[in-house]
Amino acid sequence: MEQQASAGSDRRILERIGEMVEAERDLRAALTEGRIDPESERQRLRELEEELDQCWDLLRQRRARVEAGDDPDLAAVRSVEEVERYES
């Protein structure tokens, strides 16, 4: 039962990632169509990329906890600064 709940949480994280990827596409289209200016697109893309990085980090944490036999629900969203530091 716990594994099913965990899979549901992972699925919600993946759904959110999909939504953000779609938002990125929409932003790029809006720029191409002249509906937003380049600075607005860059700002929003940066925000989306940071949130995407946090989602991927959370998903990796959850999967690592499952592999280690720990509760994946103890994984927590880390700050943008912490996630970005790990990626460099």
Protein backbone atom coordinates (compact mmCIF):
# COMPACT_ATOMS: atom_id res chain seq x y z
CA MET A 1 0.00 0.00 0.00
CA GLU A 2 2.81 2.45 0.92
CA GLN A 3 4.52 1.77 -2.41
CA GLN A 4 1.30 2.72 -4.25
CA ALA A 5 1.12 6.03 -2.37
CA SER A 6 4.75 6.67 -3.23
CA ALA A 7 4.10 5.92 -6.90
CA GLY A 8 1.21 8.39 -6.80
CA SER A 9 3.47 11.11 -5.40
CA ASP A 10 6.09 10.39 -8.05
CA ARG A 11 3.39 10.56 -10.71
CA ARG A 12 2.25 13.98 -9.42
CA ILE A 13 5.85 15.24 -9.56
CA LEU A 14 6.19 13.95 -13.12
CA GLU A 15 2.88 15.58 -14.08
CA ARG A 16 4.14 18.90 -12.71
CA ILE A 17 7.35 18.50 -14.71
CA GLY A 18 5.24 17.93 -17.83
CA GLU A 19 3.24 21.07 -17.11
CA MET A 20 6.41 23.13 -16.78
CA VAL A 21 7.86 21.73 -20.01
CA GLU A 22 4.62 22.73 -21.75
CA ALA A 23 4.86 26.20 -20.19
CA GLU A 24 8.39 26.51 -21.62
CA ARG A 25 7.08 25.67 -25.08
CA ASP A 26 4.28 28.21 -24.70
CA LEU A 27 6.77 30.90 -23.65
CA ARG A 28 8.98 30.25 -26.66
CA ALA A 29 5.95 30.39 -28.95
CA ALA A 30 4.78 33.63 -27.32
CA LEU A 31 8.19 35.19 -27.96
CA THR A 32 8.22 34.01 -31.58
CA GLU A 33 4.71 35.41 -32.07
CA GLY A 34 5.65 38.72 -30.43
CA ARG A 35 3.22 38.33 -27.52
CA ILE A 36 5.99 38.80 -24.94
CA ASP A 37 9.34 40.56 -24.95
CA PRO A 38 12.67 38.71 -24.73
CA GLU A 39 13.39 39.87 -21.17
CA SER A 40 10.03 38.58 -19.90
CA GLU A 41 10.66 35.27 -21.64
CA ARG A 42 14.15 34.95 -20.11
CA GLN A 43 12.87 35.79 -16.62
CA ARG A 44 10.02 33.28 -16.76
CA LEU A 45 12.24 30.59 -18.35
CA ARG A 46 14.77 31.01 -15.55
CA GLU A 47 12.00 30.58 -12.96
CA LEU A 48 10.68 27.48 -14.74
CA GLU A 49 14.16 25.97 -15.04
CA GLU A 50 14.78 26.48 -11.32
CA GLU A 51 11.47 24.86 -10.41
CA LEU A 52 12.16 22.01 -12.85
CA ASP A 53 15.54 21.42 -11.22
CA GLN A 54 13.85 21.27 -7.81
CA CYS A 55 11.27 18.76 -9.08
CA TRP A 56 13.93 16.52 -10.63
CA ASP A 57 15.97 16.73 -7.43
CA LEU A 58 12.95 15.76 -5.33
CA LEU A 59 12.20 12.84 -7.63
CA ARG A 60 15.84 11.65 -7.39
CA GLN A 61 15.70 11.94 -3.59
CA ARG A 62 12.50 9.91 -3.46
CA ARG A 63 13.88 7.19 -5.72
CA ALA A 64 17.12 7.01 -3.73
CA ARG A 65 15.13 6.59 -0.52
CA VAL A 66 13.10 3.76 -2.05
CA GLU A 67 16.28 2.01 -3.19
CA ALA A 68 17.74 2.38 0.31
CA GLY A 69 14.57 0.98 1.89
CA ASP A 70 13.61 4.35 3.40
CA ASP A 71 10.33 6.24 3.27
CA PRO A 72 10.28 8.36 0.08
CA ASP A 73 7.80 10.73 1.70
CA LEU A 74 10.61 11.98 3.94
CA ALA A 75 12.26 13.56 0.89
CA ALA A 76 11.90 17.35 0.87
CA VAL A 77 12.08 20.10 -1.70
CA ARG A 78 15.45 21.78 -1.43
CA SER A 79 16.10 25.46 -2.04
CA VAL A 80 17.02 26.63 -5.52
CA GLU A 81 20.46 27.61 -4.24
CA GLU A 82 21.10 24.14 -2.83
CA VAL A 83 19.87 22.33 -5.96
CA GLU A 84 21.83 24.58 -8.29
CA ARG A 85 25.00 24.10 -6.23
CA TYR A 86 24.71 20.33 -6.70
CA GLU A 87 24.40 20.71 -10.47
CA SER A 88 27.58 22.72 -10.91
